[in-house]
Amino acid sequence: MKFQGKNNEYIEVSVVDRTKTIELNNSKSSELSLVWFKNDNNKINIDAVDYKFNSNEIISLTEFHKIKTQQLNEAVLIRWNRSFYCVVDHDSEVGCKGILYYGASSVPRMKLNENDTDILETILKMLNIELRSKDNLQLEMLQMMLKRLLIICTRIYKSQQTYVDLNNKSRDVIREYNFLVEQHFKTKHAVKDYADLLYKSPKTLSNLFKKYGEASPLHFIQNRIVLEARRLLTYTEKSISEISYELGFSDLQSFSRFFRNKEGVSPQKFRSRE
């Protein structure tokens, strides 16, 4: 089912399986998605990396993820565009910027327990009911249901990461750092660049990320660059020199050394892999 507003804003909820993989593989400009897997053994290649997802796992995707479905048994796909609801503009409402969206070099994934599943099933049921409604409150109600869904998913994701050990201020700094990297990784490759934007010292950021227990601030930047390099090498016909320039490297040799160090193979060998 799909809601289409007067200003091209939309939200759509659909069930996808092996006969409808094109719906998952294709994403339009400014779209965000949640994919809720309802069966085991779903195999999907995302940004040239193979993933396996089982029942009651949820992943969040943006328009920038490149999807190739290898095996899809059944999943619920919830997709909307920025005109319907912008998570950046409304970050104070849902708090998912830099966590579920626009801030991860790997695919954010959540594993639902029984209580999580019951709550999200209820929200999904209400969302479907509102999709069938036809009154002047429909848009507002649908946005309300989506906000609730995003809030719950963000809470689940935080509870399954070391975010739970940080205070709100520390979480916000990490989220904003992640979001800034997403915006500037092609031109800003040093931690100091982002520390200046956040009015923090590089050492403060390093200590905070160490407490977070994930990649260092520098590794986070590098991982995002590598992700984009994999996308460009796999899904475009741009030359390696063009990719090097687009990603902010001064020359092809610097990019090749960087990529080989991170991926273990040269950009050319990565592109020509079977």
C-alpha atoms as a PDB file:
ATOM      1  CA  MET A   1       0.000   0.000   0.000  1.00  0.00           C
ATOM      2  CA  LYS A   2       1.150   3.497  -0.768  1.00  0.00           C
ATOM      3  CA  PHE A   3       0.253   7.017   0.282  1.00  0.00           C
ATOM      4  CA  GLN A   4       0.951   9.707  -2.304  1.00  0.00           C
ATOM      5  CA  GLY A   5       0.506  13.320  -1.202  1.00  0.00           C
ATOM      6  CA  LYS A   6      -0.242  16.435  -3.213  1.00  0.00           C
ATOM      7  CA  ASN A   7       3.418  17.522  -3.162  1.00  0.00           C
ATOM      8  CA  ASN A   8       4.840  14.148  -4.240  1.00  0.00           C
ATOM      9  CA  GLU A   9       5.492  13.071  -0.656  1.00  0.00           C
ATOM     10  CA  TYR A  10       4.953   9.351  -0.204  1.00  0.00           C
ATOM     11  CA  ILE A  11       5.317   6.354   2.059  1.00  0.00           C
ATOM     12  CA  GLU A  12       4.886   2.771   0.953  1.00  0.00           C
ATOM     13  CA  VAL A  13       4.607  -0.531   2.817  1.00  0.00           C
ATOM     14  CA  SER A  14       4.963  -3.733   0.815  1.00  0.00           C
ATOM     15  CA  VAL A  15       5.818  -7.389   1.261  1.00  0.00           C
ATOM     16  CA  VAL A  16       8.736  -8.449  -0.928  1.00  0.00           C
ATOM     17  CA  ASP A  17      10.004 -11.922  -1.754  1.00  0.00           C
ATOM     18  CA  ARG A  18      11.926 -13.704  -4.489  1.00  0.00           C
ATOM     19  CA  THR A  19       9.326 -12.617  -7.050  1.00  0.00           C
ATOM     20  CA  LYS A  20       9.634  -8.931  -6.134  1.00  0.00           C
ATOM     21  CA  THR A  21      13.352  -8.395  -5.637  1.00  0.00           C
ATOM     22  CA  ILE A  22      13.338  -5.439  -8.017  1.00  0.00           C
ATOM     23  CA  GLU A  23      11.415  -3.444  -5.405  1.00  0.00           C
ATOM     24  CA  LEU A  24      14.251  -3.892  -2.911  1.00  0.00           C
ATOM     25  CA  ASN A  25      17.059  -3.479  -5.440  1.00  0.00           C
ATOM     26  CA  ASN A  26      15.803  -0.193  -6.853  1.00  0.00           C
ATOM     27  CA  SER A  27      15.718   2.975  -4.772  1.00  0.00           C
ATOM     28  CA  LYS A  28      14.771   6.468  -5.903  1.00  0.00           C
ATOM     29  CA  SER A  29      16.433   9.744  -5.043  1.00  0.00           C
ATOM     30  CA  SER A  30      15.923  10.954  -1.449  1.00  0.00           C
ATOM     31  CA  GLU A  31      14.403   7.635  -0.315  1.00  0.00           C
ATOM     32  CA  LEU A  32      15.000   5.953   3.029  1.00  0.00           C
ATOM     33  CA  SER A  33      13.959   2.414   3.887  1.00  0.00           C
ATOM     34  CA  LEU A  34      13.510  -0.077   6.663  1.00  0.00           C
ATOM     35  CA  VAL A  35      13.596  -3.762   5.713  1.00  0.00           C
ATOM     36  CA  TRP A  36      12.113  -6.231   8.196  1.00  0.00           C
ATOM     37  CA  PHE A  37      12.996  -9.831   7.358  1.00  0.00           C
ATOM     38  CA  LYS A  38      10.244 -12.289   8.196  1.00  0.00           C
ATOM     39  CA  ASN A  39      12.060 -15.542   7.337  1.00  0.00           C
ATOM     40  CA  ASP A  40      15.563 -16.951   7.670  1.00  0.00           C
ATOM     41  CA  ASN A  41      18.335 -17.248   5.088  1.00  0.00           C
ATOM     42  CA  ASN A  42      17.969 -14.014   3.157  1.00  0.00           C
ATOM     43  CA  LYS A  43      21.172 -13.330   1.205  1.00  0.00           C
ATOM     44  CA  ILE A  44      21.785  -9.824  -0.069  1.00  0.00           C
ATOM     45  CA  ASN A  45      24.833  -8.077  -1.472  1.00  0.00           C
ATOM     46  CA  ILE A  46      25.016  -4.489  -0.227  1.00  0.00           C
ATOM     47  CA  ASP A  47      27.766  -2.230  -1.494  1.00  0.00           C
ATOM     48  CA  ALA A  48      29.748  -5.223  -2.789  1.00  0.00           C
ATOM     49  CA  VAL A  49      29.598  -7.047   0.576  1.00  0.00           C
ATOM     50  CA  ASP A  50      27.579 -10.241   1.097  1.00  0.00           C
ATOM     51  CA  TYR A  51      25.171 -10.311   4.047  1.00  0.00           C
ATOM     52  CA  LYS A  52      22.861 -12.947   5.472  1.00  0.00           C
ATOM     53  CA  PHE A  53      19.751 -11.857   7.359  1.00  0.00           C
ATOM     54  CA  ASN A  54      17.396 -14.011   9.389  1.00  0.00           C
ATOM     55  CA  SER A  55      13.885 -13.706  10.723  1.00  0.00           C
ATOM     56  CA  ASN A  56      13.112 -10.596  12.795  1.00  0.00           C
ATOM     57  CA  GLU A  57      16.187  -8.693  11.761  1.00  0.00           C
ATOM     58  CA  ILE A  58      15.728  -5.128  10.507  1.00  0.00           C
ATOM     59  CA  ILE A  59      18.146  -3.085   8.434  1.00  0.00           C
ATOM     60  CA  SER A  60      18.026   0.585   7.473  1.00  0.00           C
ATOM     61  CA  LEU A  61      18.995   1.701   3.974  1.00  0.00           C
ATOM     62  CA  THR A  62      19.414   4.974   2.117  1.00  0.00           C
ATOM     63  CA  GLU A  63      19.236   5.795  -1.560  1.00  0.00           C
ATOM     64  CA  PHE A  64      23.032   5.466  -1.680  1.00  0.00           C
ATOM     65  CA  HIS A  65      23.181   1.770  -0.797  1.00  0.00           C
ATOM     66  CA  LYS A  66      23.649  -0.484  -3.810  1.00  0.00           C
ATOM     67  CA  ILE A  67      21.575  -3.635  -3.484  1.00  0.00           C
ATOM     68  CA  LYS A  68      21.804  -6.963  -5.308  1.00  0.00           C
ATOM     69  CA  THR A  69      19.402  -9.555  -3.958  1.00  0.00           C
ATOM     70  CA  GLN A  70      20.756 -13.089  -4.077  1.00  0.00           C
ATOM     71  CA  GLN A  71      18.046 -14.841  -2.075  1.00  0.00           C
ATOM     72  CA  LEU A  72      15.000 -13.166  -0.585  1.00  0.00           C
ATOM     73  CA  ASN A  73      12.376 -15.271   1.137  1.00  0.00           C
ATOM     74  CA  GLU A  74      10.091 -12.668   2.677  1.00  0.00           C
ATOM     75  CA  ALA A  75      10.482  -9.190   4.089  1.00  0.00           C
ATOM     76  CA  VAL A  76       8.417  -6.111   4.834  1.00  0.00           C
ATOM     77  CA  LEU A  77       9.724  -3.040   3.029  1.00  0.00           C
ATOM     78  CA  ILE A  78       8.843   0.392   4.425  1.00  0.00           C
ATOM     79  CA  ARG A  79      10.039   3.176   2.162  1.00  0.00           C
ATOM     80  CA  TRP A  80       9.458   6.917   2.146  1.00  0.00           C
ATOM     81  CA  ASN A  81      10.960  10.030   0.607  1.00  0.00           C
ATOM     82  CA  ARG A  82      12.422  13.151   2.154  1.00  0.00           C
ATOM     83  CA  SER A  83       9.320  15.169   1.316  1.00  0.00           C
ATOM     84  CA  PHE A  84       7.225  12.827   3.435  1.00  0.00           C
ATOM     85  CA  TYR A  85       9.569  12.852   6.414  1.00  0.00           C
ATOM     86  CA  CYS A  86      13.151  14.131   6.621  1.00  0.00           C
ATOM     87  CA  VAL A  87      15.083  12.498   9.466  1.00  0.00           C
ATOM     88  CA  VAL A  88      17.725  15.236   9.307  1.00  0.00           C
ATOM     89  CA  ASP A  89      15.318  18.152   9.624  1.00  0.00           C
ATOM     90  CA  HIS A  90      13.377  16.363  12.356  1.00  0.00           C
ATOM     91  CA  ASP A  91      16.316  14.811  14.196  1.00  0.00           C
ATOM     92  CA  SER A  92      15.116  16.168  17.531  1.00  0.00           C
ATOM     93  CA  GLU A  93      11.963  14.064  17.144  1.00  0.00           C
ATOM     94  CA  VAL A  94      13.457  10.668  16.298  1.00  0.00           C
ATOM     95  CA  GLY A  95      17.213  10.931  16.946  1.00  0.00           C
ATOM     96  CA  CYS A  96      18.233   8.518  14.190  1.00  0.00           C
ATOM     97  CA  LYS A  97      20.519  10.834  12.197  1.00  0.00           C
ATOM     98  CA  GLY A  98      24.051   9.482  12.395  1.00  0.00           C
ATOM     99  CA  ILE A  99      22.799   6.165  13.782  1.00  0.00           C
ATOM    100  CA  LEU A 100      20.306   4.463  11.482  1.00  0.00           C
ATOM    101  CA  TYR A 101      20.884   6.889   8.616  1.00  0.00           C
ATOM    102  CA  TYR A 102      23.720   9.031   7.294  1.00  0.00           C
ATOM    103  CA  GLY A 103      26.475   7.883   9.534  1.00  0.00           C
ATOM    104  CA  ALA A 104      27.447   4.245   9.230  1.00  0.00           C
ATOM    105  CA  SER A 105      30.119   2.631   7.071  1.00  0.00           C
ATOM    106  CA  SER A 106      28.376  -0.714   7.558  1.00  0.00           C
ATOM    107  CA  VAL A 107      24.699  -1.574   7.304  1.00  0.00           C
ATOM    108  CA  PRO A 108      22.837  -0.793  10.562  1.00  0.00           C
ATOM    109  CA  ARG A 109      21.030  -3.958  11.627  1.00  0.00           C
ATOM    110  CA  MET A 110      18.782  -4.736  14.568  1.00  0.00           C
ATOM    111  CA  LYS A 111      17.770  -8.115  15.996  1.00  0.00           C
ATOM    112  CA  LEU A 112      14.294  -8.094  17.505  1.00  0.00           C
ATOM    113  CA  ASN A 113      13.379  -9.971  20.648  1.00  0.00           C
ATOM    114  CA  GLU A 114       9.825 -11.092  21.357  1.00  0.00           C
ATOM    115  CA  ASN A 115       8.812  -7.826  23.008  1.00  0.00           C
ATOM    116  CA  ASP A 116      10.350  -5.742  20.209  1.00  0.00           C
ATOM    117  CA  THR A 117       8.488  -7.824  17.654  1.00  0.00           C
ATOM    118  CA  ASP A 118       5.138  -7.343  19.396  1.00  0.00           C
ATOM    119  CA  ILE A 119       5.600  -3.570  19.578  1.00  0.00           C
ATOM    120  CA  LEU A 120       6.676  -3.199  15.959  1.00  0.00           C
ATOM    121  CA  GLU A 121       3.921  -5.510  14.707  1.00  0.00           C
ATOM    122  CA  THR A 122       1.404  -3.222  16.417  1.00  0.00           C
ATOM    123  CA  ILE A 123       2.940  -0.108  14.853  1.00  0.00           C
ATOM    124  CA  LEU A 124       3.002  -1.784  11.440  1.00  0.00           C
ATOM    125  CA  LYS A 125      -0.646  -2.764  11.800  1.00  0.00           C
ATOM    126  CA  MET A 126      -1.578   0.830  12.647  1.00  0.00           C
ATOM    127  CA  LEU A 127       0.500   2.089   9.732  1.00  0.00           C
ATOM    128  CA  ASN A 128      -1.397  -0.177   7.346  1.00  0.00           C
ATOM    129  CA  ILE A 129      -4.722   0.958   8.799  1.00  0.00           C
ATOM    130  CA  GLU A 130      -3.777   4.594   8.229  1.00  0.00           C
ATOM    131  CA  LEU A 131      -2.680   3.826   4.670  1.00  0.00           C
ATOM    132  CA  ARG A 132      -6.255   2.772   3.970  1.00  0.00           C
ATOM    133  CA  SER A 133      -7.739   5.877   5.571  1.00  0.00           C
ATOM    134  CA  LYS A 134      -8.846   8.766   3.377  1.00  0.00           C
ATOM    135  CA  ASP A 135      -9.290  11.933   5.392  1.00  0.00           C
ATOM    136  CA  ASN A 136      -7.525  15.212   6.023  1.00  0.00           C
ATOM    137  CA  LEU A 137      -5.571  13.757   8.962  1.00  0.00           C
ATOM    138  CA  GLN A 138      -4.048  10.877   7.013  1.00  0.00           C
ATOM    139  CA  LEU A 139      -0.678  12.523   6.325  1.00  0.00           C
ATOM    140  CA  GLU A 140      -0.202  13.584   9.935  1.00  0.00           C
ATOM    141  CA  MET A 141      -1.191  10.156  11.248  1.00  0.00           C
ATOM    142  CA  LEU A 142       1.148   8.352   8.849  1.00  0.00           C
ATOM    143  CA  GLN A 143       4.022  10.604   9.852  1.00  0.00           C
ATOM    144  CA  MET A 144       3.226   9.905  13.486  1.00  0.00           C
ATOM    145  CA  MET A 145       3.345   6.146  12.891  1.00  0.00           C
ATOM    146  CA  LEU A 146       6.634   6.413  11.014  1.00  0.00           C
ATOM    147  CA  LYS A 147       8.173   8.539  13.773  1.00  0.00           C
ATOM    148  CA  ARG A 148       7.160   5.957  16.338  1.00  0.00           C
ATOM    149  CA  LEU A 149       8.661   3.187  14.223  1.00  0.00           C
ATOM    150  CA  LEU A 150      11.950   5.056  13.837  1.00  0.00           C
ATOM    151  CA  ILE A 151      12.144   5.864  17.547  1.00  0.00           C
ATOM    152  CA  ILE A 152      11.675   2.211  18.497  1.00  0.00           C
ATOM    153  CA  CYS A 153      14.215   0.991  15.927  1.00  0.00           C
ATOM    154  CA  THR A 154      16.739   3.580  17.114  1.00  0.00           C
ATOM    155  CA  ARG A 155      16.256   2.496  20.720  1.00  0.00           C
ATOM    156  CA  ILE A 156      16.743  -1.155  19.757  1.00  0.00           C
ATOM    157  CA  TYR A 157      19.890  -0.373  17.799  1.00  0.00           C
ATOM    158  CA  LYS A 158      21.348   1.703  20.636  1.00  0.00           C
ATOM    159  CA  SER A 159      20.596  -1.052  23.155  1.00  0.00           C
ATOM    160  CA  GLN A 160      22.534  -3.530  21.030  1.00  0.00           C
ATOM    161  CA  GLN A 161      25.559  -1.259  20.661  1.00  0.00           C
ATOM    162  CA  THR A 162      27.857   0.377  23.196  1.00  0.00           C
ATOM    163  CA  TYR A 163      25.781   3.537  22.811  1.00  0.00           C
ATOM    164  CA  VAL A 164      23.952   2.309  25.897  1.00  0.00           C
ATOM    165  CA  ASP A 165      27.056   3.027  28.016  1.00  0.00           C
ATOM    166  CA  LEU A 166      27.285   6.684  27.000  1.00  0.00           C
ATOM    167  CA  ASN A 167      25.442   9.707  28.303  1.00  0.00           C
ATOM    168  CA  ASN A 168      23.213  11.684  25.946  1.00  0.00           C
ATOM    169  CA  LYS A 169      25.792  14.402  25.350  1.00  0.00           C
ATOM    170  CA  SER A 170      28.442  11.885  24.306  1.00  0.00           C
ATOM    171  CA  ARG A 171      26.005  10.081  22.040  1.00  0.00           C
ATOM    172  CA  ASP A 172      25.104  13.344  20.345  1.00  0.00           C
ATOM    173  CA  VAL A 173      28.761  14.161  19.683  1.00  0.00           C
ATOM    174  CA  ILE A 174      29.301  10.746  18.080  1.00  0.00           C
ATOM    175  CA  ARG A 175      26.124  11.036  16.023  1.00  0.00           C
ATOM    176  CA  GLU A 176      27.098  14.485  14.791  1.00  0.00           C
ATOM    177  CA  TYR A 177      30.619  13.299  13.970  1.00  0.00           C
ATOM    178  CA  ASN A 178      29.176  10.402  11.983  1.00  0.00           C
ATOM    179  CA  PHE A 179      26.836  12.725  10.113  1.00  0.00           C
ATOM    180  CA  LEU A 180      29.610  15.225   9.347  1.00  0.00           C
ATOM    181  CA  VAL A 181      31.780  12.425   7.954  1.00  0.00           C
ATOM    182  CA  GLU A 182      28.901  11.394   5.713  1.00  0.00           C
ATOM    183  CA  GLN A 183      28.711  14.943   4.398  1.00  0.00           C
ATOM    184  CA  HIS A 184      32.425  15.680   3.970  1.00  0.00           C
ATOM    185  CA  PHE A 185      34.385  12.414   3.644  1.00  0.00           C
ATOM    186  CA  LYS A 186      35.344  13.174   0.041  1.00  0.00           C
ATOM    187  CA  THR A 187      37.104  16.400   0.966  1.00  0.00           C
ATOM    188  CA  LYS A 188      38.022  16.071   4.655  1.00  0.00           C
ATOM    189  CA  HIS A 189      40.239  13.093   5.509  1.00  0.00           C
ATOM    190  CA  ALA A 190      41.682  14.194   8.867  1.00  0.00           C
ATOM    191  CA  VAL A 191      40.107  13.917  12.314  1.00  0.00           C
ATOM    192  CA  LYS A 192      41.158  17.507  13.019  1.00  0.00           C
ATOM    193  CA  ASP A 193      38.848  18.720  10.250  1.00  0.00           C
ATOM    194  CA  TYR A 194      35.830  17.286  12.070  1.00  0.00           C
ATOM    195  CA  ALA A 195      37.124  18.183  15.520  1.00  0.00           C
ATOM    196  CA  ASP A 196      37.210  21.822  14.403  1.00  0.00           C
ATOM    197  CA  LEU A 197      33.623  21.598  13.145  1.00  0.00           C
ATOM    198  CA  LEU A 198      32.532  20.155  16.488  1.00  0.00           C
ATOM    199  CA  TYR A 199      34.638  22.559  18.572  1.00  0.00           C
ATOM    200  CA  LYS A 200      36.429  19.599  20.131  1.00  0.00           C
ATOM    201  CA  SER A 201      40.032  18.497  20.170  1.00  0.00           C
ATOM    202  CA  PRO A 202      41.075  15.386  18.196  1.00  0.00           C
ATOM    203  CA  LYS A 203      42.173  13.812  21.482  1.00  0.00           C
ATOM    204  CA  THR A 204      38.716  14.349  23.001  1.00  0.00           C
ATOM    205  CA  LEU A 205      37.115  12.620  20.020  1.00  0.00           C
ATOM    206  CA  SER A 206      39.588   9.746  20.168  1.00  0.00           C
ATOM    207  CA  ASN A 207      38.900   9.190  23.863  1.00  0.00           C
ATOM    208  CA  LEU A 208      35.161   9.302  23.271  1.00  0.00           C
ATOM    209  CA  PHE A 209      35.308   6.788  20.426  1.00  0.00           C
ATOM    210  CA  LYS A 210      37.543   4.543  22.522  1.00  0.00           C
ATOM    211  CA  LYS A 211      34.856   4.515  25.191  1.00  0.00           C
ATOM    212  CA  TYR A 212      32.308   3.838  22.475  1.00  0.00           C
ATOM    213  CA  GLY A 213      34.284   0.696  21.652  1.00  0.00           C
ATOM    214  CA  GLU A 214      34.113   0.957  17.884  1.00  0.00           C
ATOM    215  CA  ALA A 215      36.492   2.196  15.187  1.00  0.00           C
ATOM    216  CA  SER A 216      38.631   5.210  15.984  1.00  0.00           C
ATOM    217  CA  PRO A 217      37.580   8.566  14.494  1.00  0.00           C
ATOM    218  CA  LEU A 218      40.232   8.174  11.782  1.00  0.00           C
ATOM    219  CA  HIS A 219      39.183   4.635  10.966  1.00  0.00           C
ATOM    220  CA  PHE A 220      35.591   5.793  10.722  1.00  0.00           C
ATOM    221  CA  ILE A 221      36.593   8.309   8.032  1.00  0.00           C
ATOM    222  CA  GLN A 222      38.697   5.739   6.222  1.00  0.00           C
ATOM    223  CA  ASN A 223      35.972   3.105   6.351  1.00  0.00           C
ATOM    224  CA  ARG A 224      33.518   5.551   4.797  1.00  0.00           C
ATOM    225  CA  ILE A 225      35.977   6.361   2.010  1.00  0.00           C
ATOM    226  CA  VAL A 226      36.509   2.653   1.339  1.00  0.00           C
ATOM    227  CA  LEU A 227      32.759   2.066   1.232  1.00  0.00           C
ATOM    228  CA  GLU A 228      32.373   4.746  -1.425  1.00  0.00           C
ATOM    229  CA  ALA A 229      35.364   3.393  -3.346  1.00  0.00           C
ATOM    230  CA  ARG A 230      33.785  -0.072  -3.413  1.00  0.00           C
ATOM    231  CA  ARG A 231      30.532   1.419  -4.678  1.00  0.00           C
ATOM    232  CA  LEU A 232      32.229   3.393  -7.437  1.00  0.00           C
ATOM    233  CA  LEU A 233      34.456   0.510  -8.514  1.00  0.00           C
ATOM    234  CA  THR A 234      31.568  -1.949  -8.578  1.00  0.00           C
ATOM    235  CA  TYR A 235      28.636   0.048  -9.881  1.00  0.00           C
ATOM    236  CA  THR A 236      30.148   2.716 -12.160  1.00  0.00           C
ATOM    237  CA  GLU A 237      32.408   2.780 -15.199  1.00  0.00           C
ATOM    238  CA  LYS A 238      34.490   5.670 -13.901  1.00  0.00           C
ATOM    239  CA  SER A 239      38.215   5.193 -14.291  1.00  0.00           C
ATOM    240  CA  ILE A 240      40.269   4.527 -11.195  1.00  0.00           C
ATOM    241  CA  SER A 241      41.916   7.902 -11.680  1.00  0.00           C
ATOM    242  CA  GLU A 242      38.502   9.590 -11.722  1.00  0.00           C
ATOM    243  CA  ILE A 243      37.493   7.728  -8.571  1.00  0.00           C
ATOM    244  CA  SER A 244      40.731   8.737  -6.893  1.00  0.00           C
ATOM    245  CA  TYR A 245      40.070  12.389  -7.690  1.00  0.00           C
ATOM    246  CA  GLU A 246      36.416  12.190  -6.619  1.00  0.00           C
ATOM    247  CA  LEU A 247      37.435  10.779  -3.235  1.00  0.00           C
ATOM    248  CA  GLY A 248      39.881  13.587  -2.587  1.00  0.00           C
ATOM    249  CA  PHE A 249      43.233  11.890  -3.163  1.00  0.00           C
ATOM    250  CA  SER A 250      46.073  13.949  -4.559  1.00  0.00           C
ATOM    251  CA  ASP A 251      47.141  11.235  -6.992  1.00  0.00           C
ATOM    252  CA  LEU A 252      46.300   7.732  -8.157  1.00  0.00           C
ATOM    253  CA  GLN A 253      49.207   6.146  -6.307  1.00  0.00           C
ATOM    254  CA  SER A 254      48.016   7.497  -2.934  1.00  0.00           C
ATOM    255  CA  PHE A 255      44.536   6.129  -3.536  1.00  0.00           C
ATOM    256  CA  SER A 256      45.857   2.740  -4.668  1.00  0.00           C
ATOM    257  CA  ARG A 257      48.050   2.400  -1.569  1.00  0.00           C
ATOM    258  CA  PHE A 258      45.171   3.411   0.669  1.00  0.00           C
ATOM    259  CA  PHE A 259      42.735   0.981  -0.950  1.00  0.00           C
ATOM    260  CA  ARG A 260      45.184  -1.921  -0.947  1.00  0.00           C
ATOM    261  CA  ASN A 261      45.938  -1.324   2.729  1.00  0.00           C
ATOM    262  CA  LYS A 262      42.240  -1.437   3.619  1.00  0.00           C
ATOM    263  CA  GLU A 263      40.992  -4.145   1.238  1.00  0.00           C
ATOM    264  CA  GLY A 264      44.085  -6.279   0.630  1.00  0.00           C
ATOM    265  CA  VAL A 265      43.908  -5.909  -3.160  1.00  0.00           C
ATOM    266  CA  SER A 266      44.464  -3.135  -5.648  1.00  0.00           C
ATOM    267  CA  PRO A 267      41.488  -1.137  -6.956  1.00  0.00           C
ATOM    268  CA  GLN A 268      41.956  -2.774 -10.374  1.00  0.00           C
ATOM    269  CA  LYS A 269      41.894  -6.305  -8.953  1.00  0.00           C
ATOM    270  CA  PHE A 270      38.866  -5.448  -6.833  1.00  0.00           C
ATOM    271  CA  ARG A 271      37.023  -4.158  -9.910  1.00  0.00           C
ATOM    272  CA  SER A 272      37.905  -7.188 -12.033  1.00  0.00           C
ATOM    273  CA  ARG A 273      36.918  -9.795  -9.415  1.00  0.00           C
ATOM    274  CA  GLU A 274      34.239 -12.287 -10.413  1.00  0.00           C
END
